[in-house]
Amino acid sequence: MANPMTYTSLTSDLQTWMENSGTDFVAQIPNFIFATEFRLSREIDPIGLESQQTSAFTANSAYLNIPTDTKVINYLNIIVNNEKSFLQIKPIEYCQEYWPNVSTTGVPKYFANFTDDILLIAPTPDSGYTTELGYVSNIAGLSSNVSTNWYSNNAPFGLLYGCLSEANLFTKNLEDYTIYNKKYTEAVTTVNNQARRRRRTDYKFPGSPLGENTITGGQ
């Protein structure tokens, strides 16, 4: 595998490792990469994909637009009198029952996912409060126009082994699929453990949305 990994080097490595440069196989390589990046985006929890956006509520509107590349929301806060106040995420039913009349306004306390790119705020904001949204973002996938991305730079073995897993599913070689899928899982575990170490603070256990901490066995 070339270092650093690029789209071109990855496509070349897949043909080399699979010993297959056939037209049908090469045509499927973008699909192998897409499937692996899709899988990685749901199985790893790195700090490197976290972003923050500062915006503002619209007074008397119960809705807030969020970035289109949002995958997971980590937090939403508002700034009132120069102090940050974190809103609690709730199910949409909770917010609608708590604040059934959206025309009535107040200081926001809760938010819920209304659509993929809109949040419902309760109470409806009575002012254009400054907001800070922390979220995990999607990233542009590798292609002939995108030579490198976070996965190729920071999780190259997960990307390679995931693609090889997909390639062996395509060629119906289940024995090699099992081998590369295991290597993929090991690479993902390494990335997640590194993220947990970076999150370690004075708390007893590192926190992570993924759940159990494989380093200490705690949450």
C-alpha atoms as a PDB file:
ATOM      1  CA  MET A   1       0.000   0.000   0.000  1.00  0.00           C
ATOM      2  CA  ALA A   2       1.329   3.407  -0.979  1.00  0.00           C
ATOM      3  CA  ASN A   3       1.917   5.999   1.723  1.00  0.00           C
ATOM      4  CA  PRO A   4       0.046   8.269   1.872  1.00  0.00           C
ATOM      5  CA  MET A   5      -2.993   6.567   0.398  1.00  0.00           C
ATOM      6  CA  THR A   6      -4.772   8.275  -2.500  1.00  0.00           C
ATOM      7  CA  TYR A   7      -7.728   7.323  -4.646  1.00  0.00           C
ATOM      8  CA  THR A   8      -5.349   6.280  -7.423  1.00  0.00           C
ATOM      9  CA  SER A   9      -3.101   4.222  -5.147  1.00  0.00           C
ATOM     10  CA  LEU A  10      -6.099   2.526  -3.522  1.00  0.00           C
ATOM     11  CA  THR A  11      -7.592   1.482  -6.844  1.00  0.00           C
ATOM     12  CA  SER A  12      -4.174   0.176  -7.903  1.00  0.00           C
ATOM     13  CA  ASP A  13      -3.691  -1.713  -4.611  1.00  0.00           C
ATOM     14  CA  LEU A  14      -7.092  -3.369  -4.932  1.00  0.00           C
ATOM     15  CA  GLN A  15      -6.223  -4.700  -8.373  1.00  0.00           C
ATOM     16  CA  THR A  16      -2.835  -5.903  -7.124  1.00  0.00           C
ATOM     17  CA  TRP A  17      -4.103  -7.582  -3.954  1.00  0.00           C
ATOM     18  CA  MET A  18      -7.010  -9.189  -5.789  1.00  0.00           C
ATOM     19  CA  GLU A  19      -4.841 -10.069  -8.817  1.00  0.00           C
ATOM     20  CA  ASN A  20      -7.696  -8.859 -10.933  1.00  0.00           C
ATOM     21  CA  SER A  21      -7.598  -6.080 -13.525  1.00  0.00           C
ATOM     22  CA  GLY A  22     -10.603  -7.269 -15.477  1.00  0.00           C
ATOM     23  CA  THR A  23     -12.973  -4.687 -16.906  1.00  0.00           C
ATOM     24  CA  ASP A  24     -15.944  -5.799 -14.800  1.00  0.00           C
ATOM     25  CA  PHE A  25     -13.887  -5.830 -11.600  1.00  0.00           C
ATOM     26  CA  VAL A  26     -12.290  -2.406 -12.180  1.00  0.00           C
ATOM     27  CA  ALA A  27     -15.709  -0.911 -12.943  1.00  0.00           C
ATOM     28  CA  GLN A  28     -16.895  -1.996  -9.477  1.00  0.00           C
ATOM     29  CA  ILE A  29     -13.994  -0.451  -7.517  1.00  0.00           C
ATOM     30  CA  PRO A  30     -15.793   2.889  -6.920  1.00  0.00           C
ATOM     31  CA  ASN A  31     -18.657   0.882  -5.410  1.00  0.00           C
ATOM     32  CA  PHE A  32     -16.251  -1.000  -3.134  1.00  0.00           C
ATOM     33  CA  ILE A  33     -14.856   2.316  -1.901  1.00  0.00           C
ATOM     34  CA  PHE A  34     -18.280   3.891  -1.434  1.00  0.00           C
ATOM     35  CA  ALA A  35     -19.572   0.899   0.544  1.00  0.00           C
ATOM     36  CA  THR A  36     -16.505   0.882   2.795  1.00  0.00           C
ATOM     37  CA  GLU A  37     -16.636   4.633   3.462  1.00  0.00           C
ATOM     38  CA  PHE A  38     -20.348   4.303   4.256  1.00  0.00           C
ATOM     39  CA  ARG A  39     -19.528   1.514   6.699  1.00  0.00           C
ATOM     40  CA  LEU A  40     -16.645   3.412   8.282  1.00  0.00           C
ATOM     41  CA  SER A  41     -18.812   6.482   8.779  1.00  0.00           C
ATOM     42  CA  ARG A  42     -21.089   4.422  11.027  1.00  0.00           C
ATOM     43  CA  GLU A  43     -18.537   2.310  12.862  1.00  0.00           C
ATOM     44  CA  ILE A  44     -15.787   4.730  13.846  1.00  0.00           C
ATOM     45  CA  ASP A  45     -15.973   7.570  16.340  1.00  0.00           C
ATOM     46  CA  PRO A  46     -13.004   9.865  15.705  1.00  0.00           C
ATOM     47  CA  ILE A  47     -12.552  13.412  16.969  1.00  0.00           C
ATOM     48  CA  GLY A  48     -11.382  14.366  13.482  1.00  0.00           C
ATOM     49  CA  LEU A  49     -14.932  14.261  12.100  1.00  0.00           C
ATOM     50  CA  GLU A  50     -16.319  16.649  14.725  1.00  0.00           C
ATOM     51  CA  SER A  51     -17.272  20.156  13.619  1.00  0.00           C
ATOM     52  CA  GLN A  52     -18.862  23.241  15.146  1.00  0.00           C
ATOM     53  CA  GLN A  53     -21.144  25.843  13.628  1.00  0.00           C
ATOM     54  CA  THR A  54     -22.107  29.188  15.141  1.00  0.00           C
ATOM     55  CA  SER A  55     -25.405  30.637  13.987  1.00  0.00           C
ATOM     56  CA  ALA A  56     -28.503  32.206  15.530  1.00  0.00           C
ATOM     57  CA  PHE A  57     -32.150  31.419  16.120  1.00  0.00           C
ATOM     58  CA  THR A  58     -34.804  33.362  14.304  1.00  0.00           C
ATOM     59  CA  ALA A  59     -37.041  34.992  16.905  1.00  0.00           C
ATOM     60  CA  ASN A  60     -40.566  33.523  16.934  1.00  0.00           C
ATOM     61  CA  SER A  61     -39.505  30.539  14.801  1.00  0.00           C
ATOM     62  CA  ALA A  62     -39.442  27.062  16.334  1.00  0.00           C
ATOM     63  CA  TYR A  63     -37.052  25.676  13.721  1.00  0.00           C
ATOM     64  CA  LEU A  64     -33.292  25.775  13.199  1.00  0.00           C
ATOM     65  CA  ASN A  65     -31.534  24.726  10.008  1.00  0.00           C
ATOM     66  CA  ILE A  66     -28.422  22.612  10.491  1.00  0.00           C
ATOM     67  CA  PRO A  67     -25.554  21.864   8.068  1.00  0.00           C
ATOM     68  CA  THR A  68     -26.425  19.433   5.312  1.00  0.00           C
ATOM     69  CA  ASP A  69     -23.334  17.345   6.130  1.00  0.00           C
ATOM     70  CA  THR A  70     -24.545  16.653   9.697  1.00  0.00           C
ATOM     71  CA  LYS A  71     -24.431  12.988  10.657  1.00  0.00           C
ATOM     72  CA  VAL A  72     -24.745  13.087  14.456  1.00  0.00           C
ATOM     73  CA  ILE A  73     -25.442  16.051  16.736  1.00  0.00           C
ATOM     74  CA  ASN A  74     -23.209  16.185  19.818  1.00  0.00           C
ATOM     75  CA  TYR A  75     -24.661  19.288  21.452  1.00  0.00           C
ATOM     76  CA  LEU A  76     -26.568  22.518  20.917  1.00  0.00           C
ATOM     77  CA  ASN A  77     -26.173  25.511  23.157  1.00  0.00           C
ATOM     78  CA  ILE A  78     -27.381  29.083  23.252  1.00  0.00           C
ATOM     79  CA  ILE A  79     -25.638  32.141  24.636  1.00  0.00           C
ATOM     80  CA  VAL A  80     -27.754  34.191  27.034  1.00  0.00           C
ATOM     81  CA  ASN A  81     -26.209  37.202  28.782  1.00  0.00           C
ATOM     82  CA  ASN A  82     -22.744  36.013  27.685  1.00  0.00           C
ATOM     83  CA  GLU A  83     -23.284  32.612  29.316  1.00  0.00           C
ATOM     84  CA  LYS A  84     -23.675  29.300  27.489  1.00  0.00           C
ATOM     85  CA  SER A  85     -26.731  27.214  28.213  1.00  0.00           C
ATOM     86  CA  PHE A  86     -26.880  23.694  26.788  1.00  0.00           C
ATOM     87  CA  LEU A  87     -30.190  22.493  25.392  1.00  0.00           C
ATOM     88  CA  GLN A  88     -31.283  18.911  26.059  1.00  0.00           C
ATOM     89  CA  ILE A  89     -32.080  16.670  23.110  1.00  0.00           C
ATOM     90  CA  LYS A  90     -35.494  15.030  23.377  1.00  0.00           C
ATOM     91  CA  PRO A  91     -37.824  12.970  21.162  1.00  0.00           C
ATOM     92  CA  ILE A  92     -39.957  15.169  18.930  1.00  0.00           C
ATOM     93  CA  GLU A  93     -43.093  13.980  20.748  1.00  0.00           C
ATOM     94  CA  TYR A  94     -41.685  15.281  24.025  1.00  0.00           C
ATOM     95  CA  CYS A  95     -41.007  18.739  22.584  1.00  0.00           C
ATOM     96  CA  GLN A  96     -44.424  18.933  20.956  1.00  0.00           C
ATOM     97  CA  GLU A  97     -46.188  17.928  24.163  1.00  0.00           C
ATOM     98  CA  TYR A  98     -44.042  20.237  26.296  1.00  0.00           C
ATOM     99  CA  TRP A  99     -44.604  23.219  23.979  1.00  0.00           C
ATOM    100  CA  PRO A 100     -47.728  22.507  21.903  1.00  0.00           C
ATOM    101  CA  ASN A 101     -48.291  26.103  20.778  1.00  0.00           C
ATOM    102  CA  VAL A 102     -45.297  27.131  18.667  1.00  0.00           C
ATOM    103  CA  SER A 103     -46.581  30.701  18.473  1.00  0.00           C
ATOM    104  CA  THR A 104     -45.877  31.106  22.185  1.00  0.00           C
ATOM    105  CA  THR A 105     -42.256  32.016  22.864  1.00  0.00           C
ATOM    106  CA  GLY A 106     -39.713  31.659  25.647  1.00  0.00           C
ATOM    107  CA  VAL A 107     -36.083  30.805  26.351  1.00  0.00           C
ATOM    108  CA  PRO A 108     -35.258  27.482  24.595  1.00  0.00           C
ATOM    109  CA  LYS A 109     -34.608  24.423  26.769  1.00  0.00           C
ATOM    110  CA  TYR A 110     -34.984  21.418  24.445  1.00  0.00           C
ATOM    111  CA  PHE A 111     -34.495  20.403  20.828  1.00  0.00           C
ATOM    112  CA  ALA A 112     -35.470  17.461  18.669  1.00  0.00           C
ATOM    113  CA  ASN A 113     -34.713  16.198  15.167  1.00  0.00           C
ATOM    114  CA  PHE A 114     -37.585  17.469  13.013  1.00  0.00           C
ATOM    115  CA  THR A 115     -36.163  16.443   9.622  1.00  0.00           C
ATOM    116  CA  ASP A 116     -32.692  15.432   8.441  1.00  0.00           C
ATOM    117  CA  ASP A 117     -31.609  19.071   8.294  1.00  0.00           C
ATOM    118  CA  ILE A 118     -34.016  20.925  10.606  1.00  0.00           C
ATOM    119  CA  LEU A 119     -34.308  20.937  14.407  1.00  0.00           C
ATOM    120  CA  LEU A 120     -37.450  21.672  16.410  1.00  0.00           C
ATOM    121  CA  ILE A 121     -36.779  24.032  19.320  1.00  0.00           C
ATOM    122  CA  ALA A 122     -38.874  24.215  22.506  1.00  0.00           C
ATOM    123  CA  PRO A 123     -39.882  26.703  23.719  1.00  0.00           C
ATOM    124  CA  THR A 124     -40.030  28.682  20.493  1.00  0.00           C
ATOM    125  CA  PRO A 125     -37.177  31.217  20.787  1.00  0.00           C
ATOM    126  CA  ASP A 126     -38.279  34.656  21.954  1.00  0.00           C
ATOM    127  CA  SER A 127     -35.073  36.211  20.621  1.00  0.00           C
ATOM    128  CA  GLY A 128     -32.371  35.611  18.034  1.00  0.00           C
ATOM    129  CA  TYR A 129     -30.033  33.895  20.483  1.00  0.00           C
ATOM    130  CA  THR A 130     -26.564  32.980  19.253  1.00  0.00           C
ATOM    131  CA  THR A 131     -26.233  29.202  18.977  1.00  0.00           C
ATOM    132  CA  GLU A 132     -23.330  26.781  18.828  1.00  0.00           C
ATOM    133  CA  LEU A 133     -23.938  23.403  17.233  1.00  0.00           C
ATOM    134  CA  GLY A 134     -21.424  20.598  17.737  1.00  0.00           C
ATOM    135  CA  TYR A 135     -21.837  17.755  15.306  1.00  0.00           C
ATOM    136  CA  VAL A 136     -20.159  14.871  13.522  1.00  0.00           C
ATOM    137  CA  SER A 137     -19.939  15.663   9.842  1.00  0.00           C
ATOM    138  CA  ASN A 138     -20.000  13.539   6.727  1.00  0.00           C
ATOM    139  CA  ILE A 139     -16.965  13.868   4.495  1.00  0.00           C
ATOM    140  CA  ALA A 140     -16.515  13.847   0.749  1.00  0.00           C
ATOM    141  CA  GLY A 141     -15.874  10.332  -0.537  1.00  0.00           C
ATOM    142  CA  LEU A 142     -12.808   9.392  -2.540  1.00  0.00           C
ATOM    143  CA  SER A 143     -13.161   9.657  -6.300  1.00  0.00           C
ATOM    144  CA  SER A 144     -11.236  10.711  -9.373  1.00  0.00           C
ATOM    145  CA  ASN A 145     -11.969  14.280  -8.233  1.00  0.00           C
ATOM    146  CA  VAL A 146     -11.205  13.735  -4.516  1.00  0.00           C
ATOM    147  CA  SER A 147      -7.719  12.297  -4.179  1.00  0.00           C
ATOM    148  CA  THR A 148      -7.574  12.015  -0.366  1.00  0.00           C
ATOM    149  CA  ASN A 149      -9.914  12.419   2.593  1.00  0.00           C
ATOM    150  CA  TRP A 150     -10.005  11.746   6.341  1.00  0.00           C
ATOM    151  CA  TYR A 151     -10.312   7.986   5.846  1.00  0.00           C
ATOM    152  CA  SER A 152      -7.351   7.684   3.474  1.00  0.00           C
ATOM    153  CA  ASN A 153      -5.208   9.894   5.714  1.00  0.00           C
ATOM    154  CA  ASN A 154      -6.171   8.524   9.128  1.00  0.00           C
ATOM    155  CA  ALA A 155      -7.699   5.066   8.620  1.00  0.00           C
ATOM    156  CA  PRO A 156      -5.959   3.712   5.501  1.00  0.00           C
ATOM    157  CA  PHE A 157      -5.904   0.082   6.650  1.00  0.00           C
ATOM    158  CA  GLY A 158      -9.580   0.148   7.574  1.00  0.00           C
ATOM    159  CA  LEU A 159     -10.290   1.561   4.136  1.00  0.00           C
ATOM    160  CA  LEU A 160      -8.089  -0.975   2.354  1.00  0.00           C
ATOM    161  CA  TYR A 161      -9.348  -4.042   4.219  1.00  0.00           C
ATOM    162  CA  GLY A 162     -12.949  -2.892   3.949  1.00  0.00           C
ATOM    163  CA  CYS A 163     -12.582  -2.520   0.197  1.00  0.00           C
ATOM    164  CA  LEU A 164     -10.955  -5.943  -0.042  1.00  0.00           C
ATOM    165  CA  SER A 165     -13.902  -7.393   1.897  1.00  0.00           C
ATOM    166  CA  GLU A 166     -16.308  -5.845  -0.604  1.00  0.00           C
ATOM    167  CA  ALA A 167     -14.171  -7.018  -3.510  1.00  0.00           C
ATOM    168  CA  ASN A 168     -14.199 -10.605  -2.280  1.00  0.00           C
ATOM    169  CA  LEU A 169     -17.956 -10.489  -1.845  1.00  0.00           C
ATOM    170  CA  PHE A 170     -18.143  -9.409  -5.483  1.00  0.00           C
ATOM    171  CA  THR A 171     -15.912 -12.290  -6.598  1.00  0.00           C
ATOM    172  CA  LYS A 172     -17.767 -14.670  -4.229  1.00  0.00           C
ATOM    173  CA  ASN A 173     -14.569 -15.649  -2.409  1.00  0.00           C
ATOM    174  CA  LEU A 174     -16.073 -16.035   1.069  1.00  0.00           C
ATOM    175  CA  GLU A 175     -12.896 -17.436   2.606  1.00  0.00           C
ATOM    176  CA  ASP A 176     -10.881 -14.317   1.779  1.00  0.00           C
ATOM    177  CA  TYR A 177     -13.873 -12.135   2.628  1.00  0.00           C
ATOM    178  CA  THR A 178     -13.800 -13.538   6.168  1.00  0.00           C
ATOM    179  CA  ILE A 179     -10.070 -12.834   6.478  1.00  0.00           C
ATOM    180  CA  TYR A 180     -10.266  -9.242   5.266  1.00  0.00           C
ATOM    181  CA  ASN A 181     -13.435  -8.494   7.189  1.00  0.00           C
ATOM    182  CA  LYS A 182     -11.618  -9.538  10.377  1.00  0.00           C
ATOM    183  CA  LYS A 183      -8.684  -7.279   9.466  1.00  0.00           C
ATOM    184  CA  TYR A 184     -11.143  -4.442   8.815  1.00  0.00           C
ATOM    185  CA  THR A 185     -12.709  -4.921  12.253  1.00  0.00           C
ATOM    186  CA  GLU A 186      -9.282  -4.839  13.902  1.00  0.00           C
ATOM    187  CA  ALA A 187      -8.408  -1.614  12.068  1.00  0.00           C
ATOM    188  CA  VAL A 188     -11.685   0.004  13.173  1.00  0.00           C
ATOM    189  CA  THR A 189     -11.024  -1.000  16.778  1.00  0.00           C
ATOM    190  CA  THR A 190      -7.603   0.662  16.601  1.00  0.00           C
ATOM    191  CA  VAL A 191      -9.100   3.914  15.318  1.00  0.00           C
ATOM    192  CA  ASN A 192     -11.789   3.922  18.017  1.00  0.00           C
ATOM    193  CA  ASN A 193      -9.315   3.172  20.808  1.00  0.00           C
ATOM    194  CA  GLN A 194      -7.124   6.041  19.638  1.00  0.00           C
ATOM    195  CA  ALA A 195     -10.167   8.344  19.757  1.00  0.00           C
ATOM    196  CA  ARG A 196     -10.978   7.197  23.286  1.00  0.00           C
ATOM    197  CA  ARG A 197      -7.444   7.966  24.436  1.00  0.00           C
ATOM    198  CA  ARG A 198      -7.709  11.460  22.974  1.00  0.00           C
ATOM    199  CA  ARG A 199     -10.975  12.003  24.865  1.00  0.00           C
ATOM    200  CA  ARG A 200      -9.459  10.909  28.179  1.00  0.00           C
ATOM    201  CA  THR A 201      -9.858  13.544  30.878  1.00  0.00           C
ATOM    202  CA  ASP A 202      -9.809  13.549  34.673  1.00  0.00           C
ATOM    203  CA  TYR A 203     -12.854  11.309  34.673  1.00  0.00           C
ATOM    204  CA  LYS A 204     -12.342   7.691  35.651  1.00  0.00           C
ATOM    205  CA  PHE A 205     -13.348   6.367  32.242  1.00  0.00           C
ATOM    206  CA  PRO A 206     -12.972   7.981  28.793  1.00  0.00           C
ATOM    207  CA  GLY A 207     -16.344   8.902  27.348  1.00  0.00           C
ATOM    208  CA  SER A 208     -17.474   7.799  23.898  1.00  0.00           C
ATOM    209  CA  PRO A 209     -20.814   7.562  22.110  1.00  0.00           C
ATOM    210  CA  LEU A 210     -19.850   4.037  21.058  1.00  0.00           C
ATOM    211  CA  GLY A 211     -20.355   2.700  24.572  1.00  0.00           C
ATOM    212  CA  GLU A 212     -18.006   0.282  26.317  1.00  0.00           C
ATOM    213  CA  ASN A 213     -14.407   1.385  26.604  1.00  0.00           C
ATOM    214  CA  THR A 214     -12.216  -1.460  25.412  1.00  0.00           C
ATOM    215  CA  ILE A 215      -9.174  -0.025  27.193  1.00  0.00           C
ATOM    216  CA  THR A 216     -10.533  -0.136  30.765  1.00  0.00           C
ATOM    217  CA  GLY A 217     -13.785  -2.036  30.362  1.00  0.00           C
ATOM    218  CA  GLY A 218     -15.848   0.914  31.618  1.00  0.00           C
ATOM    219  CA  GLN A 219     -18.362   3.169  29.919  1.00  0.00           C
END
